[in-house]
Every structure is written in C-alpha cells, then in structure tokens.
Amino acid sequence: MLDKCNKCGSNKLFVEIQGQRRGLYCGECGKWQKWITKEELQIAKFNGLKIIENKEN
C-alpha cells in the first residue's frame, strides 16, 4: 500500500469508504490515489489512517 501521495508527496493519507468501494486519498491536496482491497483496509486501520464512511440513503 502507498505510504505517501503520488502528487504532492504528503504522508497524510486517509481512506474513504463509498458503498463497496474503498478509496485512498491525500489529506493535503485531496488527490485520489487508488482503490484499496479489504486487506489493504486492514493495514490502513492498523497503521492509524483516518477512515471516513459515506453512508448514502
């Protein structure tokens, strides 16, 4: 899994969960990095990344 943004180089990444998709984003510039797997989500949680869940009605 990425440990820094591929645009600005920041290491402030976060995960946004959108239904069944899980996106990795930069917290500095907002750029989407990649879709992550369930396994990568567990790694992100273990590494203390912020997880945002968008619950759509």
PDB file of N, CA and C in Angstrom:
ATOM      1  N   MET A   1       0.844  -1.182   0.000  1.00  0.00           N
ATOM      2  CA  MET A   1       0.000   0.000   0.000  1.00  0.00           C
ATOM      3  C   MET A   1       0.887   1.242   0.000  1.00  0.00           C
ATOM      4  N   LEU A   2       0.391   2.308  -0.630  1.00  0.00           N
ATOM      5  CA  LEU A   2       1.141   3.554  -0.708  1.00  0.00           C
ATOM      6  C   LEU A   2       1.317   4.162   0.673  1.00  0.00           C
ATOM      7  N   ASP A   3       2.468   4.825   0.884  1.00  0.00           N
ATOM      8  CA  ASP A   3       2.685   5.495   2.160  1.00  0.00           C
ATOM      9  C   ASP A   3       2.809   7.003   2.001  1.00  0.00           C
ATOM     10  N   LYS A   4       2.750   7.490   0.736  1.00  0.00           N
ATOM     11  CA  LYS A   4       2.748   8.930   0.502  1.00  0.00           C
ATOM     12  C   LYS A   4       2.025   9.238  -0.804  1.00  0.00           C
ATOM     13  N   CYS A   5       1.582  10.484  -0.930  1.00  0.00           N
ATOM     14  CA  CYS A   5       0.832  10.932  -2.104  1.00  0.00           C
ATOM     15  C   CYS A   5       1.732  10.925  -3.333  1.00  0.00           C
ATOM     16  N   ASN A   6       1.191  10.441  -4.460  1.00  0.00           N
ATOM     17  CA  ASN A   6       1.988  10.412  -5.682  1.00  0.00           C
ATOM     18  C   ASN A   6       1.943  11.741  -6.429  1.00  0.00           C
ATOM     19  N   LYS A   7       1.246  12.753  -5.871  1.00  0.00           N
ATOM     20  CA  LYS A   7       1.220  14.091  -6.478  1.00  0.00           C
ATOM     21  C   LYS A   7       2.067  15.081  -5.675  1.00  0.00           C
ATOM     22  N   CYS A   8       1.750  15.211  -4.374  1.00  0.00           N
ATOM     23  CA  CYS A   8       2.434  16.226  -3.566  1.00  0.00           C
ATOM     24  C   CYS A   8       3.470  15.646  -2.600  1.00  0.00           C
ATOM     25  N   GLY A   9       3.483  14.311  -2.426  1.00  0.00           N
ATOM     26  CA  GLY A   9       4.474  13.680  -1.557  1.00  0.00           C
ATOM     27  C   GLY A   9       4.111  13.653  -0.080  1.00  0.00           C
ATOM     28  N   SER A  10       2.927  14.144   0.276  1.00  0.00           N
ATOM     29  CA  SER A  10       2.496  14.150   1.671  1.00  0.00           C
ATOM     30  C   SER A  10       2.242  12.724   2.159  1.00  0.00           C
ATOM     31  N   ASN A  11       2.484  12.501   3.441  1.00  0.00           N
ATOM     32  CA  ASN A  11       2.182  11.189   4.021  1.00  0.00           C
ATOM     33  C   ASN A  11       0.868  11.207   4.808  1.00  0.00           C
ATOM     34  N   LYS A  12       0.073  12.268   4.641  1.00  0.00           N
ATOM     35  CA  LYS A  12      -1.220  12.393   5.319  1.00  0.00           C
ATOM     36  C   LYS A  12      -2.307  11.808   4.432  1.00  0.00           C
ATOM     37  N   LEU A  13      -2.420  10.505   4.416  1.00  0.00           N
ATOM     38  CA  LEU A  13      -3.409   9.811   3.600  1.00  0.00           C
ATOM     39  C   LEU A  13      -4.606   9.406   4.456  1.00  0.00           C
ATOM     40  N   PHE A  14      -5.758   9.222   3.806  1.00  0.00           N
ATOM     41  CA  PHE A  14      -6.933   8.726   4.501  1.00  0.00           C
ATOM     42  C   PHE A  14      -7.728   7.840   3.556  1.00  0.00           C
ATOM     43  N   VAL A  15      -8.634   7.036   4.137  1.00  0.00           N
ATOM     44  CA  VAL A  15      -9.473   6.127   3.366  1.00  0.00           C
ATOM     45  C   VAL A  15     -10.911   6.628   3.434  1.00  0.00           C
ATOM     46  N   GLU A  16     -11.568   6.667   2.272  1.00  0.00           N
ATOM     47  CA  GLU A  16     -12.990   6.998   2.219  1.00  0.00           C
ATOM     48  C   GLU A  16     -13.733   5.790   1.669  1.00  0.00           C
ATOM     49  N   ILE A  17     -14.708   5.298   2.445  1.00  0.00           N
ATOM     50  CA  ILE A  17     -15.494   4.138   2.038  1.00  0.00           C
ATOM     51  C   ILE A  17     -16.782   4.644   1.408  1.00  0.00           C
ATOM     52  N   GLN A  18     -17.009   4.241   0.149  1.00  0.00           N
ATOM     53  CA  GLN A  18     -18.174   4.676  -0.621  1.00  0.00           C
ATOM     54  C   GLN A  18     -18.917   3.431  -1.073  1.00  0.00           C
ATOM     55  N   GLY A  19     -19.858   2.968  -0.273  1.00  0.00           N
ATOM     56  CA  GLY A  19     -20.568   1.734  -0.589  1.00  0.00           C
ATOM     57  C   GLY A  19     -19.607   0.552  -0.507  1.00  0.00           C
ATOM     58  N   GLN A  20     -19.405  -0.139  -1.633  1.00  0.00           N
ATOM     59  CA  GLN A  20     -18.496  -1.285  -1.660  1.00  0.00           C
ATOM     60  C   GLN A  20     -17.062  -0.888  -2.014  1.00  0.00           C
ATOM     61  N   ARG A  21     -16.861   0.372  -2.397  1.00  0.00           N
ATOM     62  CA  ARG A  21     -15.529   0.821  -2.808  1.00  0.00           C
ATOM     63  C   ARG A  21     -14.809   1.500  -1.660  1.00  0.00           C
ATOM     64  N   ARG A  22     -13.500   1.353  -1.642  1.00  0.00           N
ATOM     65  CA  ARG A  22     -12.664   1.971  -0.625  1.00  0.00           C
ATOM     66  C   ARG A  22     -11.548   2.720  -1.337  1.00  0.00           C
ATOM     67  N   GLY A  23     -11.567   4.047  -1.220  1.00  0.00           N
ATOM     68  CA  GLY A  23     -10.583   4.865  -1.914  1.00  0.00           C
ATOM     69  C   GLY A  23      -9.552   5.426  -0.968  1.00  0.00           C
ATOM     70  N   LEU A  24      -8.303   5.458  -1.435  1.00  0.00           N
ATOM     71  CA  LEU A  24      -7.207   6.059  -0.686  1.00  0.00           C
ATOM     72  C   LEU A  24      -6.984   7.454  -1.253  1.00  0.00           C
ATOM     73  N   TYR A  25      -7.013   8.472  -0.395  1.00  0.00           N
ATOM     74  CA  TYR A  25      -6.904   9.873  -0.808  1.00  0.00           C
ATOM     75  C   TYR A  25      -5.814  10.575  -0.011  1.00  0.00           C
ATOM     76  N   CYS A  26      -5.303  11.682  -0.576  1.00  0.00           N
ATOM     77  CA  CYS A  26      -4.333  12.519   0.122  1.00  0.00           C
ATOM     78  C   CYS A  26      -5.075  13.536   0.975  1.00  0.00           C
ATOM     79  N   GLY A  27      -4.664  13.680   2.216  1.00  0.00           N
ATOM     80  CA  GLY A  27      -5.272  14.652   3.117  1.00  0.00           C
ATOM     81  C   GLY A  27      -4.781  16.067   2.880  1.00  0.00           C
ATOM     82  N   GLU A  28      -3.704  16.250   2.140  1.00  0.00           N
ATOM     83  CA  GLU A  28      -3.170  17.581   1.846  1.00  0.00           C
ATOM     84  C   GLU A  28      -3.776  18.161   0.575  1.00  0.00           C
ATOM     85  N   CYS A  29      -3.636  17.460  -0.543  1.00  0.00           N
ATOM     86  CA  CYS A  29      -4.096  18.003  -1.833  1.00  0.00           C
ATOM     87  C   CYS A  29      -5.419  17.397  -2.287  1.00  0.00           C
ATOM     88  N   GLY A  30      -5.901  16.333  -1.619  1.00  0.00           N
ATOM     89  CA  GLY A  30      -7.188  15.734  -1.943  1.00  0.00           C
ATOM     90  C   GLY A  30      -7.183  14.764  -3.107  1.00  0.00           C
ATOM     91  N   LYS A  31      -6.020  14.506  -3.697  1.00  0.00           N
ATOM     92  CA  LYS A  31      -5.950  13.638  -4.869  1.00  0.00           C
ATOM     93  C   LYS A  31      -6.263  12.195  -4.505  1.00  0.00           C
ATOM     94  N   TRP A  32      -7.091  11.564  -5.355  1.00  0.00           N
ATOM     95  CA  TRP A  32      -7.366  10.136  -5.220  1.00  0.00           C
ATOM     96  C   TRP A  32      -6.097   9.380  -5.595  1.00  0.00           C
ATOM     97  N   GLN A  33      -5.745   8.382  -4.791  1.00  0.00           N
ATOM     98  CA  GLN A  33      -4.536   7.610  -5.043  1.00  0.00           C
ATOM     99  C   GLN A  33      -4.854   6.285  -5.733  1.00  0.00           C
ATOM    100  N   LYS A  34      -5.767   5.511  -5.129  1.00  0.00           N
ATOM    101  CA  LYS A  34      -6.138   4.209  -5.697  1.00  0.00           C
ATOM    102  C   LYS A  34      -7.300   3.619  -4.918  1.00  0.00           C
ATOM    103  N   TRP A  35      -7.952   2.625  -5.517  1.00  0.00           N
ATOM    104  CA  TRP A  35      -8.933   1.823  -4.799  1.00  0.00           C
ATOM    105  C   TRP A  35      -8.153   0.785  -4.025  1.00  0.00           C
ATOM    106  N   ILE A  36      -8.560   0.521  -2.792  1.00  0.00           N
ATOM    107  CA  ILE A  36      -7.831  -0.451  -1.982  1.00  0.00           C
ATOM    108  C   ILE A  36      -8.692  -1.678  -1.702  1.00  0.00           C
ATOM    109  N   THR A  37      -8.018  -2.787  -1.439  1.00  0.00           N
ATOM    110  CA  THR A  37      -8.678  -4.053  -1.138  1.00  0.00           C
ATOM    111  C   THR A  37      -9.062  -4.110   0.339  1.00  0.00           C
ATOM    112  N   LYS A  38      -9.817  -5.133   0.709  1.00  0.00           N
ATOM    113  CA  LYS A  38     -10.165  -5.340   2.111  1.00  0.00           C
ATOM    114  C   LYS A  38      -8.910  -5.536   2.959  1.00  0.00           C
ATOM    115  N   GLU A  39      -7.934  -6.236   2.397  1.00  0.00           N
ATOM    116  CA  GLU A  39      -6.682  -6.478   3.122  1.00  0.00           C
ATOM    117  C   GLU A  39      -5.933  -5.162   3.352  1.00  0.00           C
ATOM    118  N   GLU A  40      -5.912  -4.303   2.327  1.00  0.00           N
ATOM    119  CA  GLU A  40      -5.251  -3.006   2.467  1.00  0.00           C
ATOM    120  C   GLU A  40      -5.993  -2.123   3.465  1.00  0.00           C
ATOM    121  N   LEU A  41      -7.318  -2.264   3.548  1.00  0.00           N
ATOM    122  CA  LEU A  41      -8.098  -1.518   4.530  1.00  0.00           C
ATOM    123  C   LEU A  41      -7.670  -1.911   5.942  1.00  0.00           C
ATOM    124  N   GLN A  42      -7.454  -3.192   6.167  1.00  0.00           N
ATOM    125  CA  GLN A  42      -6.997  -3.653   7.484  1.00  0.00           C
ATOM    126  C   GLN A  42      -5.621  -3.085   7.810  1.00  0.00           C
ATOM    127  N   ILE A  43      -4.742  -3.022   6.816  1.00  0.00           N
ATOM    128  CA  ILE A  43      -3.412  -2.441   7.009  1.00  0.00           C
ATOM    129  C   ILE A  43      -3.539  -0.960   7.346  1.00  0.00           C
ATOM    130  N   ALA A  44      -4.435  -0.255   6.631  1.00  0.00           N
ATOM    131  CA  ALA A  44      -4.656   1.165   6.890  1.00  0.00           C
ATOM    132  C   ALA A  44      -5.138   1.389   8.326  1.00  0.00           C
ATOM    133  N   LYS A  45      -6.070   0.551   8.783  1.00  0.00           N
ATOM    134  CA  LYS A  45      -6.561   0.659  10.159  1.00  0.00           C
ATOM    135  C   LYS A  45      -5.441   0.420  11.150  1.00  0.00           C
ATOM    136  N   PHE A  46      -4.632  -0.592  10.889  1.00  0.00           N
ATOM    137  CA  PHE A  46      -3.520  -0.917  11.777  1.00  0.00           C
ATOM    138  C   PHE A  46      -2.514   0.235  11.835  1.00  0.00           C
ATOM    139  N   ASN A  47      -2.304   0.895  10.690  1.00  0.00           N
ATOM    140  CA  ASN A  47      -1.343   2.000  10.623  1.00  0.00           C
ATOM    141  C   ASN A  47      -1.919   3.322  11.121  1.00  0.00           C
ATOM    142  N   GLY A  48      -3.191   3.335  11.517  1.00  0.00           N
ATOM    143  CA  GLY A  48      -3.804   4.519  12.102  1.00  0.00           C
ATOM    144  C   GLY A  48      -4.308   5.550  11.113  1.00  0.00           C
ATOM    145  N   LEU A  49      -4.522   5.162   9.861  1.00  0.00           N
ATOM    146  CA  LEU A  49      -5.067   6.100   8.884  1.00  0.00           C
ATOM    147  C   LEU A  49      -6.519   6.415   9.223  1.00  0.00           C
ATOM    148  N   LYS A  50      -6.918   7.635   8.938  1.00  0.00           N
ATOM    149  CA  LYS A  50      -8.297   8.059   9.163  1.00  0.00           C
ATOM    150  C   LYS A  50      -9.200   7.329   8.173  1.00  0.00           C
ATOM    151  N   ILE A  51     -10.327   6.799   8.654  1.00  0.00           N
ATOM    152  CA  ILE A  51     -11.293   6.090   7.829  1.00  0.00           C
ATOM    153  C   ILE A  51     -12.598   6.885   7.850  1.00  0.00           C
ATOM    154  N   ILE A  52     -13.089   7.275   6.664  1.00  0.00           N
ATOM    155  CA  ILE A  52     -14.333   8.030   6.553  1.00  0.00           C
ATOM    156  C   ILE A  52     -15.345   7.158   5.826  1.00  0.00           C
ATOM    157  N   GLU A  53     -16.509   6.966   6.435  1.00  0.00           N
ATOM    158  CA  GLU A  53     -17.562   6.181   5.797  1.00  0.00           C
ATOM    159  C   GLU A  53     -18.667   7.111   5.320  1.00  0.00           C
ATOM    160  N   ASN A  54     -18.914   7.092   4.011  1.00  0.00           N
ATOM    161  CA  ASN A  54     -20.022   7.847   3.430  1.00  0.00           C
ATOM    162  C   ASN A  54     -21.230   6.928   3.352  1.00  0.00           C
ATOM    163  N   LYS A  55     -22.202   7.192   4.188  1.00  0.00           N
ATOM    164  CA  LYS A  55     -23.417   6.385   4.198  1.00  0.00           C
ATOM    165  C   LYS A  55     -24.458   7.107   3.373  1.00  0.00           C
ATOM    166  N   GLU A  56     -24.769   6.532   2.215  1.00  0.00           N
ATOM    167  CA  GLU A  56     -25.759   7.124   1.321  1.00  0.00           C
ATOM    168  C   GLU A  56     -27.126   6.529   1.604  1.00  0.00           C
ATOM    169  N   ASN A  57     -28.144   7.345   1.541  1.00  0.00           N
ATOM    170  CA  ASN A  57     -29.502   6.876   1.810  1.00  0.00           C
ATOM    171  C   ASN A  57     -30.145   6.366   0.553  1.00  0.00           C
TER     172      ASN A  57
END
